[in-house]
Amino acid sequence: MKIQDVIGQGVYKSSKLRPLGGINMSHTAQRLARGVQRRGIQPGTDAWFRAWFSLPYMTGEQPFK
C-alpha cells in the first residue's frame, strides 16, 4: 500500500460527482435571504437554521414551513 492511497492523494475520480442540474446557488441564496428578511427571522433562531440548513433538493423539506 502506498502512502498516497492512505492519505487520499493521487488520482481523482470526478465520475462520482453529478452536476446540480442548472441550479444557480447564488440565486438560491438570494431567495432564501429575501424570505428570511421578509419574515423577520432573527439569526440563530430555530427558524433561521431551518431556513438556511434545510435540504429541499435532497429531502424535500421546505425552509419556510
C-alpha atoms as a PDB file:
ATOM      1  CA  MET A   1       0.000   0.000   0.000  1.00  0.00           C
ATOM      2  CA  LYS A   2       1.314   3.418  -0.940  1.00  0.00           C
ATOM      3  CA  ILE A   3       1.179   6.435   1.351  1.00  0.00           C
ATOM      4  CA  GLN A   4      -0.836   8.293  -1.344  1.00  0.00           C
ATOM      5  CA  ASP A   5      -3.572   5.666  -1.037  1.00  0.00           C
ATOM      6  CA  VAL A   6      -3.727   6.153   2.724  1.00  0.00           C
ATOM      7  CA  ILE A   7      -3.902   9.940   2.701  1.00  0.00           C
ATOM      8  CA  GLY A   8      -6.194  10.143  -0.327  1.00  0.00           C
ATOM      9  CA  GLN A   9      -3.860  11.815  -2.777  1.00  0.00           C
ATOM     10  CA  GLY A  10      -3.372  10.671  -6.295  1.00  0.00           C
ATOM     11  CA  VAL A  11      -5.927  10.027  -8.993  1.00  0.00           C
ATOM     12  CA  TYR A  12      -9.135  11.988  -8.501  1.00  0.00           C
ATOM     13  CA  LYS A  13     -12.188  10.340  -9.952  1.00  0.00           C
ATOM     14  CA  SER A  14     -14.673  13.028 -10.887  1.00  0.00           C
ATOM     15  CA  SER A  15     -17.113  10.475 -12.278  1.00  0.00           C
ATOM     16  CA  LYS A  16     -18.681  10.208  -8.801  1.00  0.00           C
ATOM     17  CA  LEU A  17     -19.773  13.843  -8.940  1.00  0.00           C
ATOM     18  CA  ARG A  18     -23.027  14.814 -10.567  1.00  0.00           C
ATOM     19  CA  PRO A  19     -23.942  18.294 -11.793  1.00  0.00           C
ATOM     20  CA  LEU A  20     -26.645  20.174  -9.909  1.00  0.00           C
ATOM     21  CA  GLY A  21     -28.825  20.341 -12.993  1.00  0.00           C
ATOM     22  CA  GLY A  22     -28.611  24.047 -13.743  1.00  0.00           C
ATOM     23  CA  ILE A  23     -29.172  25.263 -10.182  1.00  0.00           C
ATOM     24  CA  ASN A  24     -27.519  28.627  -9.629  1.00  0.00           C
ATOM     25  CA  MET A  25     -26.514  28.627  -5.960  1.00  0.00           C
ATOM     26  CA  SER A  26     -26.315  32.424  -5.729  1.00  0.00           C
ATOM     27  CA  HIS A  27     -29.941  32.729  -6.857  1.00  0.00           C
ATOM     28  CA  THR A  28     -30.979  30.150  -4.279  1.00  0.00           C
ATOM     29  CA  ALA A  29     -29.147  32.015  -1.516  1.00  0.00           C
ATOM     30  CA  GLN A  30     -30.667  35.340  -2.577  1.00  0.00           C
ATOM     31  CA  ARG A  31     -34.147  33.816  -2.497  1.00  0.00           C
ATOM     32  CA  LEU A  32     -33.530  32.438   0.998  1.00  0.00           C
ATOM     33  CA  ALA A  33     -32.120  35.739   2.249  1.00  0.00           C
ATOM     34  CA  ARG A  34     -35.153  37.640   0.925  1.00  0.00           C
ATOM     35  CA  GLY A  35     -37.511  35.137   2.561  1.00  0.00           C
ATOM     36  CA  VAL A  36     -35.702  35.385   5.898  1.00  0.00           C
ATOM     37  CA  GLN A  37     -35.735  39.177   5.775  1.00  0.00           C
ATOM     38  CA  ARG A  38     -39.389  39.358   4.692  1.00  0.00           C
ATOM     39  CA  ARG A  39     -40.446  37.134   7.583  1.00  0.00           C
ATOM     40  CA  GLY A  40     -38.292  38.988  10.125  1.00  0.00           C
ATOM     41  CA  ILE A  41     -36.426  35.834  11.144  1.00  0.00           C
ATOM     42  CA  GLN A  42     -33.552  36.574  13.512  1.00  0.00           C
ATOM     43  CA  PRO A  43     -30.142  34.855  13.069  1.00  0.00           C
ATOM     44  CA  GLY A  44     -29.543  31.955  15.433  1.00  0.00           C
ATOM     45  CA  THR A  45     -33.205  31.075  15.951  1.00  0.00           C
ATOM     46  CA  ASP A  46     -34.681  27.688  15.071  1.00  0.00           C
ATOM     47  CA  ALA A  47     -36.498  29.226  12.102  1.00  0.00           C
ATOM     48  CA  TRP A  48     -33.238  30.745  10.809  1.00  0.00           C
ATOM     49  CA  PHE A  49     -31.418  27.397  10.991  1.00  0.00           C
ATOM     50  CA  ARG A  50     -34.377  25.659   9.349  1.00  0.00           C
ATOM     51  CA  ALA A  51     -34.341  28.221   6.506  1.00  0.00           C
ATOM     52  CA  TRP A  52     -30.599  28.097   5.819  1.00  0.00           C
ATOM     53  CA  PHE A  53     -29.836  24.439   6.508  1.00  0.00           C
ATOM     54  CA  SER A  54     -32.885  22.629   5.151  1.00  0.00           C
ATOM     55  CA  LEU A  55     -32.143  20.292   2.263  1.00  0.00           C
ATOM     56  CA  PRO A  56     -35.059  20.798  -0.145  1.00  0.00           C
ATOM     57  CA  TYR A  57     -33.326  19.127  -3.099  1.00  0.00           C
ATOM     58  CA  MET A  58     -32.328  16.074  -1.053  1.00  0.00           C
ATOM     59  CA  THR A  59     -35.151  15.570   1.456  1.00  0.00           C
ATOM     60  CA  GLY A  60     -37.983  17.709   0.107  1.00  0.00           C
ATOM     61  CA  GLU A  61     -38.037  19.741   3.340  1.00  0.00           C
ATOM     62  CA  GLN A  62     -39.288  23.280   2.762  1.00  0.00           C
ATOM     63  CA  PRO A  63     -37.339  26.049   4.522  1.00  0.00           C
ATOM     64  CA  PHE A  64     -40.288  28.265   5.458  1.00  0.00           C
ATOM     65  CA  LYS A  65     -42.908  25.914   6.838  1.00  0.00           C
END
